[in-house]
Amino acid sequence: MTTSKVKTDYNGWKNRQTWNVALWINNDYGLYQSAKEYVQSHPKERKLYAGFVKWAGLSDTSTPDNIKWNGSKLDYKRLNEMMRDLLN
């Protein structure tokens, strides 16, 4: 009998929380433009996503879907990559 590993990702992301914040940044024009501006002005920052959340004043808030912008379940490494990809 062969066992197969069940995928646990959410639409290509680690979980729903990470997918949701990435979705909002990439699909809300104002957030998208702000994120691009932040990445352009902080090209050497390693923690781009966390820096952006703080800079944009989102630290103590949630997405319209009630996901905290700085939640503990977020995949920060992947969100940093997503932020860098905004310039490509």
N, C-alpha and C. Protein backbone atom coordinates (compact mmCIF):
# COMPACT_ATOMS: atom_id res chain seq x y z
N MET A 1 0.83 -1.17 0.00
CA MET A 1 0.00 0.00 0.00
C MET A 1 0.88 1.25 0.00
N THR A 2 0.57 2.16 -0.87
CA THR A 2 1.32 3.40 -0.97
C THR A 2 0.60 4.50 -0.20
N THR A 3 1.35 5.24 0.57
CA THR A 3 0.75 6.38 1.27
C THR A 3 1.13 7.65 0.54
N SER A 4 0.21 8.57 0.49
CA SER A 4 0.51 9.85 -0.15
C SER A 4 0.38 10.96 0.87
N LYS A 5 1.21 11.94 0.71
CA LYS A 5 1.20 13.08 1.62
C LYS A 5 0.05 14.02 1.22
N VAL A 6 -0.77 14.35 2.16
CA VAL A 6 -1.89 15.25 1.91
C VAL A 6 -1.38 16.69 1.93
N LYS A 7 -1.74 17.44 0.90
CA LYS A 7 -1.34 18.85 0.86
C LYS A 7 -2.08 19.61 1.94
N THR A 8 -1.36 20.44 2.64
CA THR A 8 -1.97 21.23 3.70
C THR A 8 -1.95 22.72 3.40
N ASP A 9 -1.52 23.08 2.20
CA ASP A 9 -1.44 24.51 1.90
C ASP A 9 -2.81 25.05 1.48
N TYR A 10 -2.90 26.34 1.43
CA TYR A 10 -4.15 27.03 1.12
C TYR A 10 -3.93 27.91 -0.11
N ASN A 11 -4.43 27.46 -1.24
CA ASN A 11 -4.27 28.20 -2.49
C ASN A 11 -2.81 28.55 -2.77
N GLY A 12 -1.91 27.62 -2.46
CA GLY A 12 -0.49 27.83 -2.68
C GLY A 12 0.23 28.50 -1.52
N TRP A 13 -0.48 28.84 -0.49
CA TRP A 13 0.09 29.49 0.68
C TRP A 13 0.05 28.52 1.86
N LYS A 14 0.81 28.81 2.90
CA LYS A 14 0.89 27.93 4.06
C LYS A 14 -0.46 27.73 4.74
N ASN A 15 -1.25 28.80 4.82
CA ASN A 15 -2.54 28.73 5.50
C ASN A 15 -3.44 29.86 5.02
N ARG A 16 -4.67 29.84 5.49
CA ARG A 16 -5.65 30.84 5.08
C ARG A 16 -5.23 32.24 5.49
N GLN A 17 -4.64 32.39 6.67
CA GLN A 17 -4.25 33.71 7.16
C GLN A 17 -3.21 34.36 6.24
N THR A 18 -2.20 33.60 5.86
CA THR A 18 -1.15 34.13 4.98
C THR A 18 -1.73 34.46 3.61
N TRP A 19 -2.54 33.55 3.09
CA TRP A 19 -3.19 33.77 1.79
C TRP A 19 -4.03 35.03 1.83
N ASN A 20 -4.78 35.25 2.92
CA ASN A 20 -5.69 36.37 3.00
C ASN A 20 -4.97 37.71 2.99
N VAL A 21 -3.91 37.85 3.80
CA VAL A 21 -3.21 39.14 3.80
C VAL A 21 -2.51 39.38 2.46
N ALA A 22 -1.97 38.34 1.85
CA ALA A 22 -1.34 38.50 0.54
C ALA A 22 -2.39 38.89 -0.51
N LEU A 23 -3.55 38.29 -0.41
CA LEU A 23 -4.64 38.61 -1.34
C LEU A 23 -5.04 40.08 -1.24
N TRP A 24 -5.16 40.58 -0.02
CA TRP A 24 -5.53 41.98 0.15
C TRP A 24 -4.45 42.92 -0.37
N ILE A 25 -3.21 42.63 -0.10
CA ILE A 25 -2.13 43.50 -0.58
C ILE A 25 -2.08 43.51 -2.11
N ASN A 26 -2.27 42.36 -2.71
CA ASN A 26 -2.17 42.27 -4.16
C ASN A 26 -3.41 42.70 -4.91
N ASN A 27 -4.55 42.81 -4.23
CA ASN A 27 -5.79 43.11 -4.94
C ASN A 27 -6.50 44.39 -4.51
N ASP A 28 -6.01 45.04 -3.48
CA ASP A 28 -6.54 46.34 -3.09
C ASP A 28 -5.56 47.38 -3.62
N TYR A 29 -6.02 48.21 -4.55
CA TYR A 29 -5.13 49.13 -5.24
C TYR A 29 -4.32 50.01 -4.28
N GLY A 30 -4.97 50.56 -3.27
CA GLY A 30 -4.28 51.44 -2.33
C GLY A 30 -3.20 50.70 -1.54
N LEU A 31 -3.53 49.50 -1.05
CA LEU A 31 -2.54 48.70 -0.32
C LEU A 31 -1.40 48.29 -1.23
N TYR A 32 -1.74 47.91 -2.44
CA TYR A 32 -0.73 47.48 -3.40
C TYR A 32 0.26 48.62 -3.68
N GLN A 33 -0.26 49.79 -3.94
CA GLN A 33 0.61 50.94 -4.23
C GLN A 33 1.46 51.30 -3.01
N SER A 34 0.86 51.24 -1.82
CA SER A 34 1.62 51.53 -0.60
C SER A 34 2.71 50.50 -0.38
N ALA A 35 2.40 49.24 -0.62
CA ALA A 35 3.39 48.17 -0.45
C ALA A 35 4.54 48.35 -1.43
N LYS A 36 4.22 48.66 -2.68
CA LYS A 36 5.27 48.90 -3.67
C LYS A 36 6.15 50.08 -3.26
N GLU A 37 5.52 51.14 -2.80
CA GLU A 37 6.27 52.32 -2.35
C GLU A 37 7.21 51.95 -1.20
N TYR A 38 6.70 51.16 -0.27
CA TYR A 38 7.52 50.75 0.88
C TYR A 38 8.72 49.92 0.43
N VAL A 39 8.48 48.97 -0.44
CA VAL A 39 9.57 48.10 -0.91
C VAL A 39 10.61 48.92 -1.67
N GLN A 40 10.16 49.87 -2.49
CA GLN A 40 11.08 50.71 -3.24
C GLN A 40 11.93 51.58 -2.33
N SER A 41 11.36 52.02 -1.22
CA SER A 41 12.10 52.91 -0.34
C SER A 41 12.88 52.17 0.75
N HIS A 42 12.72 50.86 0.83
CA HIS A 42 13.44 50.04 1.82
C HIS A 42 14.03 48.80 1.15
N PRO A 43 14.83 48.96 0.11
CA PRO A 43 15.30 47.82 -0.68
C PRO A 43 16.17 46.81 0.06
N LYS A 44 16.81 47.22 1.13
CA LYS A 44 17.71 46.30 1.84
C LYS A 44 17.10 45.72 3.11
N GLU A 45 15.87 46.09 3.40
CA GLU A 45 15.22 45.58 4.61
C GLU A 45 14.91 44.09 4.46
N ARG A 46 15.28 43.32 5.45
CA ARG A 46 15.07 41.87 5.41
C ARG A 46 13.64 41.49 5.77
N LYS A 47 13.05 42.20 6.71
CA LYS A 47 11.69 41.89 7.17
C LYS A 47 10.71 42.87 6.54
N LEU A 48 10.59 42.78 5.24
CA LEU A 48 9.77 43.74 4.50
C LEU A 48 8.31 43.74 4.93
N TYR A 49 7.72 42.58 5.08
CA TYR A 49 6.30 42.53 5.40
C TYR A 49 6.03 43.17 6.76
N ALA A 50 6.76 42.77 7.79
CA ALA A 50 6.55 43.32 9.13
C ALA A 50 6.81 44.83 9.14
N GLY A 51 7.83 45.26 8.43
CA GLY A 51 8.12 46.69 8.33
C GLY A 51 7.00 47.45 7.65
N PHE A 52 6.47 46.87 6.59
CA PHE A 52 5.35 47.50 5.88
C PHE A 52 4.13 47.63 6.77
N VAL A 53 3.80 46.57 7.48
CA VAL A 53 2.62 46.58 8.36
C VAL A 53 2.75 47.70 9.39
N LYS A 54 3.92 47.83 9.98
CA LYS A 54 4.15 48.89 10.97
C LYS A 54 4.08 50.26 10.31
N TRP A 55 4.78 50.42 9.19
CA TRP A 55 4.84 51.69 8.46
C TRP A 55 3.45 52.16 8.02
N ALA A 56 2.62 51.20 7.59
CA ALA A 56 1.29 51.53 7.07
C ALA A 56 0.26 51.70 8.19
N GLY A 57 0.67 51.50 9.44
CA GLY A 57 -0.26 51.67 10.56
C GLY A 57 -1.27 50.53 10.69
N LEU A 58 -0.89 49.34 10.22
CA LEU A 58 -1.80 48.20 10.26
C LEU A 58 -1.55 47.26 11.43
N SER A 59 -0.59 47.56 12.27
CA SER A 59 -0.16 46.64 13.33
C SER A 59 -1.28 46.12 14.22
N ASP A 60 -2.16 46.96 14.64
CA ASP A 60 -3.22 46.55 15.56
C ASP A 60 -4.57 46.42 14.86
N THR A 61 -4.54 46.13 13.57
CA THR A 61 -5.79 46.02 12.82
C THR A 61 -5.85 44.67 12.10
N SER A 62 -6.96 44.45 11.42
CA SER A 62 -7.18 43.20 10.70
C SER A 62 -7.64 43.51 9.28
N THR A 63 -7.54 42.52 8.42
CA THR A 63 -8.09 42.65 7.07
C THR A 63 -9.61 42.72 7.19
N PRO A 64 -10.30 43.12 6.14
CA PRO A 64 -11.77 43.10 6.18
C PRO A 64 -12.34 41.69 6.45
N ASP A 65 -11.51 40.67 6.30
CA ASP A 65 -11.94 39.30 6.59
C ASP A 65 -11.57 38.88 8.01
N ASN A 66 -11.18 39.85 8.84
CA ASN A 66 -10.87 39.65 10.25
C ASN A 66 -9.61 38.81 10.49
N ILE A 67 -8.61 38.95 9.63
CA ILE A 67 -7.31 38.30 9.81
C ILE A 67 -6.33 39.38 10.24
N LYS A 68 -5.65 39.17 11.37
CA LYS A 68 -4.72 40.18 11.87
C LYS A 68 -3.53 40.33 10.92
N TRP A 69 -3.21 41.56 10.61
CA TRP A 69 -2.09 41.85 9.72
C TRP A 69 -0.77 41.37 10.30
N ASN A 70 -0.67 41.29 11.63
CA ASN A 70 0.56 40.83 12.27
C ASN A 70 0.30 39.56 13.09
N GLY A 71 -0.56 38.70 12.60
CA GLY A 71 -0.92 37.48 13.31
C GLY A 71 0.22 36.49 13.46
N SER A 72 0.12 35.68 14.48
CA SER A 72 1.18 34.70 14.78
C SER A 72 1.18 33.52 13.81
N LYS A 73 0.11 33.29 13.08
CA LYS A 73 0.05 32.15 12.16
C LYS A 73 0.57 32.49 10.76
N LEU A 74 0.90 33.74 10.53
CA LEU A 74 1.35 34.16 9.20
C LEU A 74 2.72 33.58 8.88
N ASP A 75 2.91 33.26 7.61
CA ASP A 75 4.21 32.79 7.10
C ASP A 75 4.99 34.03 6.65
N TYR A 76 5.71 34.61 7.59
CA TYR A 76 6.41 35.88 7.33
C TYR A 76 7.48 35.74 6.26
N LYS A 77 8.14 34.61 6.20
CA LYS A 77 9.17 34.40 5.18
C LYS A 77 8.55 34.50 3.78
N ARG A 78 7.45 33.84 3.59
CA ARG A 78 6.78 33.86 2.29
C ARG A 78 6.20 35.24 1.98
N LEU A 79 5.69 35.93 3.01
CA LEU A 79 5.16 37.27 2.78
C LEU A 79 6.27 38.25 2.42
N ASN A 80 7.47 38.07 2.99
CA ASN A 80 8.61 38.90 2.59
C ASN A 80 8.93 38.68 1.12
N GLU A 81 8.89 37.43 0.67
CA GLU A 81 9.13 37.11 -0.74
C GLU A 81 8.07 37.76 -1.63
N MET A 82 6.82 37.68 -1.20
CA MET A 82 5.73 38.30 -1.96
C MET A 82 5.95 39.79 -2.09
N MET A 83 6.40 40.42 -1.02
CA MET A 83 6.64 41.87 -1.06
C MET A 83 7.75 42.19 -2.05
N ARG A 84 8.84 41.40 -2.05
CA ARG A 84 9.92 41.64 -3.00
C ARG A 84 9.44 41.48 -4.44
N ASP A 85 8.53 40.54 -4.65
CA ASP A 85 8.01 40.29 -5.99
C ASP A 85 7.14 41.42 -6.52
N LEU A 86 6.72 42.33 -5.66
CA LEU A 86 5.88 43.45 -6.12
C LEU A 86 6.62 44.33 -7.11
N LEU A 87 7.94 44.31 -7.07
CA LEU A 87 8.72 45.18 -7.97
C LEU A 87 9.02 44.53 -9.30
N ASN A 88 8.69 43.27 -9.46
CA ASN A 88 8.95 42.57 -10.73
C ASN A 88 7.79 42.65 -11.66
